Amino acid sequence: MAESNRSMMVPPIETLLERSGSKFVLVSLASQRARQINDYYSKLGEGLGSIVPPQVESTSVKSLSVAFDEIAAGKIVPEAIEEEPEEAE
């Protein structure tokens, strides 16, 4: 494949959208996970075990890129939240 035809986005956005279902879910899921990864690295020396470390080997140092890698690998998946029906008063 020629270098000019290669995408700059790795993993491909199509793969991320297939895993997440929509752009909104992808953005929400990736941003939330990136914050968790940042928290993990900032509290690494404190011995706090409640934060989950990165779930994939990544060459990237940016937490958002690591979050995208996790989503593409299927390690982080969106969870549907069911709304309760409103009761009429």
PDB file of N, CA and C in Angstrom:
ATOM      1  N   MET A   1       0.850  -1.175   0.000  1.00  0.00           N
ATOM      2  CA  MET A   1       0.000   0.000   0.000  1.00  0.00           C
ATOM      3  C   MET A   1       0.893   1.233   0.000  1.00  0.00           C
ATOM      4  N   ALA A   2       0.579   2.178  -0.830  1.00  0.00           N
ATOM      5  CA  ALA A   2       1.363   3.409  -0.927  1.00  0.00           C
ATOM      6  C   ALA A   2       1.175   4.245   0.330  1.00  0.00           C
ATOM      7  N   GLU A   3       2.232   4.942   0.706  1.00  0.00           N
ATOM      8  CA  GLU A   3       2.186   5.767   1.903  1.00  0.00           C
ATOM      9  C   GLU A   3       1.112   6.844   1.830  1.00  0.00           C
ATOM     10  N   SER A   4       0.833   7.371   0.641  1.00  0.00           N
ATOM     11  CA  SER A   4      -0.152   8.446   0.517  1.00  0.00           C
ATOM     12  C   SER A   4      -1.575   7.958   0.745  1.00  0.00           C
ATOM     13  N   ASN A   5      -1.811   6.652   0.636  1.00  0.00           N
ATOM     14  CA  ASN A   5      -3.157   6.097   0.830  1.00  0.00           C
ATOM     15  C   ASN A   5      -3.415   5.647   2.259  1.00  0.00           C
ATOM     16  N   ARG A   6      -2.411   5.695   3.104  1.00  0.00           N
ATOM     17  CA  ARG A   6      -2.573   5.230   4.473  1.00  0.00           C
ATOM     18  C   ARG A   6      -3.321   6.253   5.304  1.00  0.00           C
ATOM     19  N   SER A   7      -4.160   5.776   6.180  1.00  0.00           N
ATOM     20  CA  SER A   7      -4.902   6.644   7.080  1.00  0.00           C
ATOM     21  C   SER A   7      -4.025   7.046   8.261  1.00  0.00           C
ATOM     22  N   MET A   8      -4.237   8.228   8.756  1.00  0.00           N
ATOM     23  CA  MET A   8      -3.508   8.670   9.938  1.00  0.00           C
ATOM     24  C   MET A   8      -4.145   8.110  11.200  1.00  0.00           C
ATOM     25  N   MET A   9      -5.392   7.680  11.112  1.00  0.00           N
ATOM     26  CA  MET A   9      -6.123   7.206  12.276  1.00  0.00           C
ATOM     27  C   MET A   9      -5.923   5.706  12.452  1.00  0.00           C
ATOM     28  N   VAL A  10      -5.246   5.329  13.513  1.00  0.00           N
ATOM     29  CA  VAL A  10      -5.064   3.926  13.855  1.00  0.00           C
ATOM     30  C   VAL A  10      -5.462   3.785  15.307  1.00  0.00           C
ATOM     31  N   PRO A  11      -6.455   3.014  15.641  1.00  0.00           N
ATOM     32  CA  PRO A  11      -7.270   2.143  14.788  1.00  0.00           C
ATOM     33  C   PRO A  11      -8.228   2.949  13.914  1.00  0.00           C
ATOM     34  N   PRO A  12      -8.676   2.344  12.818  1.00  0.00           N
ATOM     35  CA  PRO A  12      -9.574   3.056  11.900  1.00  0.00           C
ATOM     36  C   PRO A  12     -10.885   3.472  12.574  1.00  0.00           C
ATOM     37  N   ILE A  13     -11.365   4.630  12.202  1.00  0.00           N
ATOM     38  CA  ILE A  13     -12.601   5.154  12.787  1.00  0.00           C
ATOM     39  C   ILE A  13     -13.773   4.221  12.525  1.00  0.00           C
ATOM     40  N   GLU A  14     -13.759   3.520  11.397  1.00  0.00           N
ATOM     41  CA  GLU A  14     -14.838   2.584  11.080  1.00  0.00           C
ATOM     42  C   GLU A  14     -14.910   1.472  12.122  1.00  0.00           C
ATOM     43  N   THR A  15     -13.749   0.968  12.531  1.00  0.00           N
ATOM     44  CA  THR A  15     -13.699  -0.079  13.553  1.00  0.00           C
ATOM     45  C   THR A  15     -14.234   0.440  14.880  1.00  0.00           C
ATOM     46  N   LEU A  16     -13.843   1.648  15.238  1.00  0.00           N
ATOM     47  CA  LEU A  16     -14.310   2.232  16.494  1.00  0.00           C
ATOM     48  C   LEU A  16     -15.812   2.447  16.488  1.00  0.00           C
ATOM     49  N   LEU A  17     -16.351   2.902  15.351  1.00  0.00           N
ATOM     50  CA  LEU A  17     -17.795   3.126  15.258  1.00  0.00           C
ATOM     51  C   LEU A  17     -18.570   1.811  15.298  1.00  0.00           C
ATOM     52  N   GLU A  18     -18.014   0.753  14.706  1.00  0.00           N
ATOM     53  CA  GLU A  18     -18.670  -0.555  14.778  1.00  0.00           C
ATOM     54  C   GLU A  18     -18.745  -1.041  16.221  1.00  0.00           C
ATOM     55  N   ARG A  19     -17.687  -0.826  16.975  1.00  0.00           N
ATOM     56  CA  ARG A  19     -17.635  -1.280  18.372  1.00  0.00           C
ATOM     57  C   ARG A  19     -18.547  -0.466  19.278  1.00  0.00           C
ATOM     58  N   SER A  20     -18.661   0.837  18.996  1.00  0.00           N
ATOM     59  CA  SER A  20     -19.409   1.705  19.900  1.00  0.00           C
ATOM     60  C   SER A  20     -20.863   1.908  19.487  1.00  0.00           C
ATOM     61  N   GLY A  21     -21.143   1.878  18.197  1.00  0.00           N
ATOM     62  CA  GLY A  21     -22.519   2.038  17.741  1.00  0.00           C
ATOM     63  C   GLY A  21     -22.855   3.427  17.233  1.00  0.00           C
ATOM     64  N   SER A  22     -22.227   4.455  17.785  1.00  0.00           N
ATOM     65  CA  SER A  22     -22.488   5.817  17.318  1.00  0.00           C
ATOM     66  C   SER A  22     -21.326   6.725  17.688  1.00  0.00           C
ATOM     67  N   LYS A  23     -21.265   7.865  17.032  1.00  0.00           N
ATOM     68  CA  LYS A  23     -20.200   8.827  17.307  1.00  0.00           C
ATOM     69  C   LYS A  23     -20.298   9.362  18.729  1.00  0.00           C
ATOM     70  N   PHE A  24     -21.523   9.620  19.180  1.00  0.00           N
ATOM     71  CA  PHE A  24     -21.716  10.147  20.530  1.00  0.00           C
ATOM     72  C   PHE A  24     -21.222   9.157  21.578  1.00  0.00           C
ATOM     73  N   VAL A  25     -21.588   7.903  21.427  1.00  0.00           N
ATOM     74  CA  VAL A  25     -21.157   6.873  22.380  1.00  0.00           C
ATOM     75  C   VAL A  25     -19.640   6.728  22.342  1.00  0.00           C
ATOM     76  N   LEU A  26     -19.054   6.762  21.152  1.00  0.00           N
ATOM     77  CA  LEU A  26     -17.602   6.652  21.008  1.00  0.00           C
ATOM     78  C   LEU A  26     -16.889   7.778  21.744  1.00  0.00           C
ATOM     79  N   VAL A  27     -17.336   8.996  21.545  1.00  0.00           N
ATOM     80  CA  VAL A  27     -16.708  10.147  22.197  1.00  0.00           C
ATOM     81  C   VAL A  27     -16.860  10.054  23.717  1.00  0.00           C
ATOM     82  N   SER A  28     -18.043   9.713  24.182  1.00  0.00           N
ATOM     83  CA  SER A  28     -18.285   9.611  25.623  1.00  0.00           C
ATOM     84  C   SER A  28     -17.460   8.496  26.250  1.00  0.00           C
ATOM     85  N   LEU A  29     -17.458   7.337  25.603  1.00  0.00           N
ATOM     86  CA  LEU A  29     -16.735   6.180  26.121  1.00  0.00           C
ATOM     87  C   LEU A  29     -15.229   6.425  26.139  1.00  0.00           C
ATOM     88  N   ALA A  30     -14.696   6.953  25.041  1.00  0.00           N
ATOM     89  CA  ALA A  30     -13.254   7.197  24.952  1.00  0.00           C
ATOM     90  C   ALA A  30     -12.804   8.279  25.932  1.00  0.00           C
ATOM     91  N   SER A  31     -13.576   9.330  26.076  1.00  0.00           N
ATOM     92  CA  SER A  31     -13.169  10.406  26.988  1.00  0.00           C
ATOM     93  C   SER A  31     -13.224   9.947  28.443  1.00  0.00           C
ATOM     94  N   GLN A  32     -14.238   9.178  28.796  1.00  0.00           N
ATOM     95  CA  GLN A  32     -14.341   8.666  30.163  1.00  0.00           C
ATOM     96  C   GLN A  32     -13.178   7.716  30.457  1.00  0.00           C
ATOM     97  N   ARG A  33     -12.872   6.834  29.523  1.00  0.00           N
ATOM     98  CA  ARG A  33     -11.779   5.882  29.724  1.00  0.00           C
ATOM     99  C   ARG A  33     -10.427   6.602  29.758  1.00  0.00           C
ATOM    100  N   ALA A  34     -10.244   7.626  28.935  1.00  0.00           N
ATOM    101  CA  ALA A  34      -8.992   8.388  28.950  1.00  0.00           C
ATOM    102  C   ALA A  34      -8.789   9.052  30.306  1.00  0.00           C
ATOM    103  N   ARG A  35      -9.858   9.563  30.900  1.00  0.00           N
ATOM    104  CA  ARG A  35      -9.749  10.156  32.241  1.00  0.00           C
ATOM    105  C   ARG A  35      -9.346   9.099  33.267  1.00  0.00           C
ATOM    106  N   GLN A  36      -9.915   7.889  33.139  1.00  0.00           N
ATOM    107  CA  GLN A  36      -9.562   6.803  34.061  1.00  0.00           C
ATOM    108  C   GLN A  36      -8.088   6.427  33.918  1.00  0.00           C
ATOM    109  N   ILE A  37      -7.593   6.379  32.684  1.00  0.00           N
ATOM    110  CA  ILE A  37      -6.184   6.049  32.443  1.00  0.00           C
ATOM    111  C   ILE A  37      -5.287   7.130  33.031  1.00  0.00           C
ATOM    112  N   ASN A  38      -5.662   8.406  32.850  1.00  0.00           N
ATOM    113  CA  ASN A  38      -4.888   9.504  33.452  1.00  0.00           C
ATOM    114  C   ASN A  38      -4.857   9.371  34.969  1.00  0.00           C
ATOM    115  N   ASP A  39      -5.999   9.052  35.566  1.00  0.00           N
ATOM    116  CA  ASP A  39      -6.062   8.867  37.019  1.00  0.00           C
ATOM    117  C   ASP A  39      -5.175   7.710  37.465  1.00  0.00           C
ATOM    118  N   TYR A  40      -5.178   6.644  36.687  1.00  0.00           N
ATOM    119  CA  TYR A  40      -4.344   5.485  37.017  1.00  0.00           C
ATOM    120  C   TYR A  40      -2.877   5.885  37.073  1.00  0.00           C
ATOM    121  N   TYR A  41      -2.400   6.579  36.043  1.00  0.00           N
ATOM    122  CA  TYR A  41      -0.991   6.961  36.005  1.00  0.00           C
ATOM    123  C   TYR A  41      -0.648   8.018  37.055  1.00  0.00           C
ATOM    124  N   SER A  42      -1.570   8.905  37.382  1.00  0.00           N
ATOM    125  CA  SER A  42      -1.278   9.933  38.373  1.00  0.00           C
ATOM    126  C   SER A  42      -1.253   9.369  39.797  1.00  0.00           C
ATOM    127  N   LYS A  43      -1.962   8.264  40.028  1.00  0.00           N
ATOM    128  CA  LYS A  43      -2.021   7.671  41.366  1.00  0.00           C
ATOM    129  C   LYS A  43      -1.233   6.372  41.463  1.00  0.00           C
ATOM    130  N   LEU A  44      -0.376   6.116  40.490  1.00  0.00           N
ATOM    131  CA  LEU A  44       0.357   4.863  40.413  1.00  0.00           C
ATOM    132  C   LEU A  44       1.210   4.612  41.655  1.00  0.00           C
ATOM    133  N   GLY A  45       1.856   5.612  42.159  1.00  0.00           N
ATOM    134  CA  GLY A  45       2.735   5.438  43.309  1.00  0.00           C
ATOM    135  C   GLY A  45       2.020   5.398  44.645  1.00  0.00           C
ATOM    136  N   GLU A  46       0.719   5.674  44.662  1.00  0.00           N
ATOM    137  CA  GLU A  46      -0.030   5.746  45.909  1.00  0.00           C
ATOM    138  C   GLU A  46      -0.581   4.404  46.367  1.00  0.00           C
ATOM    139  N   GLY A  47      -0.513   3.387  45.513  1.00  0.00           N
ATOM    140  CA  GLY A  47      -0.991   2.066  45.896  1.00  0.00           C
ATOM    141  C   GLY A  47      -2.492   1.923  45.888  1.00  0.00           C
ATOM    142  N   LEU A  48      -3.193   2.790  45.186  1.00  0.00           N
ATOM    143  CA  LEU A  48      -4.642   2.690  45.124  1.00  0.00           C
ATOM    144  C   LEU A  48      -5.028   1.670  44.061  1.00  0.00           C
ATOM    145  N   GLY A  49      -5.800   0.664  44.429  1.00  0.00           N
ATOM    146  CA  GLY A  49      -6.121  -0.422  43.509  1.00  0.00           C
ATOM    147  C   GLY A  49      -7.490  -0.333  42.873  1.00  0.00           C
ATOM    148  N   SER A  50      -8.194   0.773  43.042  1.00  0.00           N
ATOM    149  CA  SER A  50      -9.557   0.858  42.515  1.00  0.00           C
ATOM    150  C   SER A  50      -9.608   1.293  41.057  1.00  0.00           C
ATOM    151  N   ILE A  51      -8.497   1.729  40.501  1.00  0.00           N
ATOM    152  CA  ILE A  51      -8.476   2.217  39.133  1.00  0.00           C
ATOM    153  C   ILE A  51      -7.878   1.141  38.232  1.00  0.00           C
ATOM    154  N   VAL A  52      -8.555   0.841  37.125  1.00  0.00           N
ATOM    155  CA  VAL A  52      -8.134  -0.223  36.219  1.00  0.00           C
ATOM    156  C   VAL A  52      -7.030   0.286  35.299  1.00  0.00           C
ATOM    157  N   PRO A  53      -5.914  -0.443  35.217  1.00  0.00           N
ATOM    158  CA  PRO A  53      -4.819  -0.029  34.324  1.00  0.00           C
ATOM    159  C   PRO A  53      -5.194  -0.235  32.863  1.00  0.00           C
ATOM    160  N   PRO A  54      -4.409   0.303  31.939  1.00  0.00           N
ATOM    161  CA  PRO A  54      -4.683   0.078  30.522  1.00  0.00           C
ATOM    162  C   PRO A  54      -4.777  -1.419  30.210  1.00  0.00           C
ATOM    163  N   GLN A  55      -5.725  -1.789  29.356  1.00  0.00           N
ATOM    164  CA  GLN A  55      -6.023  -3.180  29.074  1.00  0.00           C
ATOM    165  C   GLN A  55      -5.341  -3.725  27.830  1.00  0.00           C
ATOM    166  N   VAL A  56      -4.607  -2.894  27.098  1.00  0.00           N
ATOM    167  CA  VAL A  56      -3.908  -3.322  25.889  1.00  0.00           C
ATOM    168  C   VAL A  56      -2.493  -2.770  25.890  1.00  0.00           C
ATOM    169  N   GLU A  57      -1.617  -3.448  25.173  1.00  0.00           N
ATOM    170  CA  GLU A  57      -0.272  -2.930  24.936  1.00  0.00           C
ATOM    171  C   GLU A  57      -0.399  -1.875  23.843  1.00  0.00           C
ATOM    172  N   SER A  58       0.103  -0.690  24.091  1.00  0.00           N
ATOM    173  CA  SER A  58      -0.013   0.387  23.113  1.00  0.00           C
ATOM    174  C   SER A  58       1.311   1.116  22.988  1.00  0.00           C
ATOM    175  N   THR A  59       1.624   1.518  21.774  1.00  0.00           N
ATOM    176  CA  THR A  59       2.835   2.302  21.554  1.00  0.00           C
ATOM    177  C   THR A  59       2.591   3.779  21.833  1.00  0.00           C
ATOM    178  N   SER A  60       1.345   4.140  22.023  1.00  0.00           N
ATOM    179  CA  SER A  60       0.996   5.532  22.263  1.00  0.00           C
ATOM    180  C   SER A  60       1.178   5.884  23.736  1.00  0.00           C
ATOM    181  N   VAL A  61       1.539   7.130  23.984  1.00  0.00           N
ATOM    182  CA  VAL A  61       1.661   7.616  25.347  1.00  0.00           C
ATOM    183  C   VAL A  61       0.457   8.470  25.743  1.00  0.00           C
ATOM    184  N   LYS A  62      -0.384   8.774  24.788  1.00  0.00           N
ATOM    185  CA  LYS A  62      -1.552   9.611  25.064  1.00  0.00           C
ATOM    186  C   LYS A  62      -2.722   8.727  25.512  1.00  0.00           C
ATOM    187  N   SER A  63      -3.360   9.140  26.585  1.00  0.00           N
ATOM    188  CA  SER A  63      -4.416   8.327  27.173  1.00  0.00           C
ATOM    189  C   SER A  63      -5.613   8.147  26.236  1.00  0.00           C
ATOM    190  N   LEU A  64      -5.937   9.146  25.438  1.00  0.00           N
ATOM    191  CA  LEU A  64      -7.062   9.020  24.512  1.00  0.00           C
ATOM    192  C   LEU A  64      -6.759   7.983  23.433  1.00  0.00           C
ATOM    193  N   SER A  65      -5.534   7.948  22.944  1.00  0.00           N
ATOM    194  CA  SER A  65      -5.144   6.950  21.951  1.00  0.00           C
ATOM    195  C   SER A  65      -5.179   5.543  22.550  1.00  0.00           C
ATOM    196  N   VAL A  66      -4.765   5.411  23.792  1.00  0.00           N
ATOM    197  CA  VAL A  66      -4.834   4.115  24.470  1.00  0.00           C
ATOM    198  C   VAL A  66      -6.290   3.692  24.624  1.00  0.00           C
ATOM    199  N   ALA A  67      -7.166   4.638  24.963  1.00  0.00           N
ATOM    200  CA  ALA A  67      -8.594   4.338  25.088  1.00  0.00           C
ATOM    201  C   ALA A  67      -9.166   3.863  23.754  1.00  0.00           C
ATOM    202  N   PHE A  68      -8.790   4.519  22.648  1.00  0.00           N
ATOM    203  CA  PHE A  68      -9.238   4.071  21.331  1.00  0.00           C
ATOM    204  C   PHE A  68      -8.727   2.668  21.027  1.00  0.00           C
ATOM    205  N   ASP A  69      -7.489   2.370  21.383  1.00  0.00           N
ATOM    206  CA  ASP A  69      -6.939   1.027  21.176  1.00  0.00           C
ATOM    207  C   ASP A  69      -7.733  -0.017  21.969  1.00  0.00           C
ATOM    208  N   GLU A  70      -8.096   0.329  23.200  1.00  0.00           N
ATOM    209  CA  GLU A  70      -8.890  -0.590  24.027  1.00  0.00           C
ATOM    210  C   GLU A  70     -10.271  -0.832  23.432  1.00  0.00           C
ATOM    211  N   ILE A  71     -10.898   0.213  22.928  1.00  0.00           N
ATOM    212  CA  ILE A  71     -12.224   0.071  22.310  1.00  0.00           C
ATOM    213  C   ILE A  71     -12.130  -0.799  21.063  1.00  0.00           C
ATOM    214  N   ALA A  72     -11.122  -0.556  20.229  1.00  0.00           N
ATOM    215  CA  ALA A  72     -10.940  -1.340  19.001  1.00  0.00           C
ATOM    216  C   ALA A  72     -10.679  -2.807  19.319  1.00  0.00           C
ATOM    217  N   ALA A  73      -9.990  -3.095  20.411  1.00  0.00           N
ATOM    218  CA  ALA A  73      -9.681  -4.467  20.801  1.00  0.00           C
ATOM    219  C   ALA A  73     -10.857  -5.153  21.500  1.00  0.00           C
ATOM    220  N   GLY A  74     -11.911  -4.407  21.783  1.00  0.00           N
ATOM    221  CA  GLY A  74     -13.071  -4.987  22.449  1.00  0.00           C
ATOM    222  C   GLY A  74     -12.910  -5.127  23.953  1.00  0.00           C
ATOM    223  N   LYS A  75     -11.896  -4.484  24.518  1.00  0.00           N
ATOM    224  CA  LYS A  75     -11.661  -4.550  25.966  1.00  0.00           C
ATOM    225  C   LYS A  75     -12.577  -3.599  26.738  1.00  0.00           C
ATOM    226  N   ILE A  76     -12.973  -2.514  26.092  1.00  0.00           N
ATOM    227  CA  ILE A  76     -13.880  -1.538  26.678  1.00  0.00           C
ATOM    228  C   ILE A  76     -15.112  -1.485  25.783  1.00  0.00           C
ATOM    229  N   VAL A  77     -16.266  -1.765  26.357  1.00  0.00           N
ATOM    230  CA  VAL A  77     -17.500  -1.779  25.568  1.00  0.00           C
ATOM    231  C   VAL A  77     -18.536  -0.878  26.234  1.00  0.00           C
ATOM    232  N   PRO A  78     -19.391  -0.250  25.411  1.00  0.00           N
ATOM    233  CA  PRO A  78     -20.442   0.590  25.996  1.00  0.00           C
ATOM    234  C   PRO A  78     -21.498  -0.277  26.666  1.00  0.00           C
ATOM    235  N   GLU A  79     -22.062   0.244  27.714  1.00  0.00           N
ATOM    236  CA  GLU A  79     -23.123  -0.451  28.440  1.00  0.00           C
ATOM    237  C   GLU A  79     -24.409   0.345  28.294  1.00  0.00           C
ATOM    238  N   ALA A  80     -25.439  -0.312  27.805  1.00  0.00           N
ATOM    239  CA  ALA A  80     -26.724   0.358  27.613  1.00  0.00           C
ATOM    240  C   ALA A  80     -27.391   0.591  28.968  1.00  0.00           C
ATOM    241  N   ILE A  81     -27.918   1.786  29.139  1.00  0.00           N
ATOM    242  CA  ILE A  81     -28.623   2.128  30.366  1.00  0.00           C
ATOM    243  C   ILE A  81     -30.107   2.183  30.044  1.00  0.00           C
ATOM    244  N   GLU A  82     -30.866   1.351  30.728  1.00  0.00           N
ATOM    245  CA  GLU A  82     -32.297   1.326  30.493  1.00  0.00           C
ATOM    246  C   GLU A  82     -32.968   2.382  31.362  1.00  0.00           C
ATOM    247  N   GLU A  83     -33.803   3.175  30.718  1.00  0.00           N
ATOM    248  CA  GLU A  83     -34.525   4.203  31.457  1.00  0.00           C
ATOM    249  C   GLU A  83     -35.794   3.611  32.043  1.00  0.00           C
ATOM    250  N   GLU A  84     -36.094   4.038  33.265  1.00  0.00           N
ATOM    251  CA  GLU A  84     -37.334   3.582  33.897  1.00  0.00           C
ATOM    252  C   GLU A  84     -38.479   4.428  33.371  1.00  0.00           C
ATOM    253  N   PRO A  85     -39.619   3.806  33.098  1.00  0.00           N
ATOM    254  CA  PRO A  85     -40.762   4.593  32.610  1.00  0.00           C
ATOM    255  C   PRO A  85     -41.247   5.561  33.697  1.00  0.00           C
ATOM    256  N   GLU A  86     -41.621   6.758  33.248  1.00  0.00           N
ATOM    257  CA  GLU A  86     -42.120   7.762  34.195  1.00  0.00           C
ATOM    258  C   GLU A  86     -43.551   7.405  34.586  1.00  0.00           C
ATOM    259  N   GLU A  87     -43.836   7.607  35.855  1.00  0.00           N
ATOM    260  CA  GLU A  87     -45.184   7.324  36.362  1.00  0.00           C
ATOM    261  C   GLU A  87     -46.009   8.595  36.298  1.00  0.00           C
ATOM    262  N   ALA A  88     -47.235   8.441  35.826  1.00  0.00           N
ATOM    263  CA  ALA A  88     -48.152   9.585  35.760  1.00  0.00           C
ATOM    264  C   ALA A  88     -48.700   9.846  37.140  1.00  0.00           C
ATOM    265  N   GLU A  89     -48.778  11.124  37.494  1.00  0.00           N
ATOM    266  CA  GLU A  89     -49.298  11.477  38.821  1.00  0.00           C
ATOM    267  C   GLU A  89     -50.752  11.821  38.771  1.00  0.00           C
TER     268      GLU A  89
END
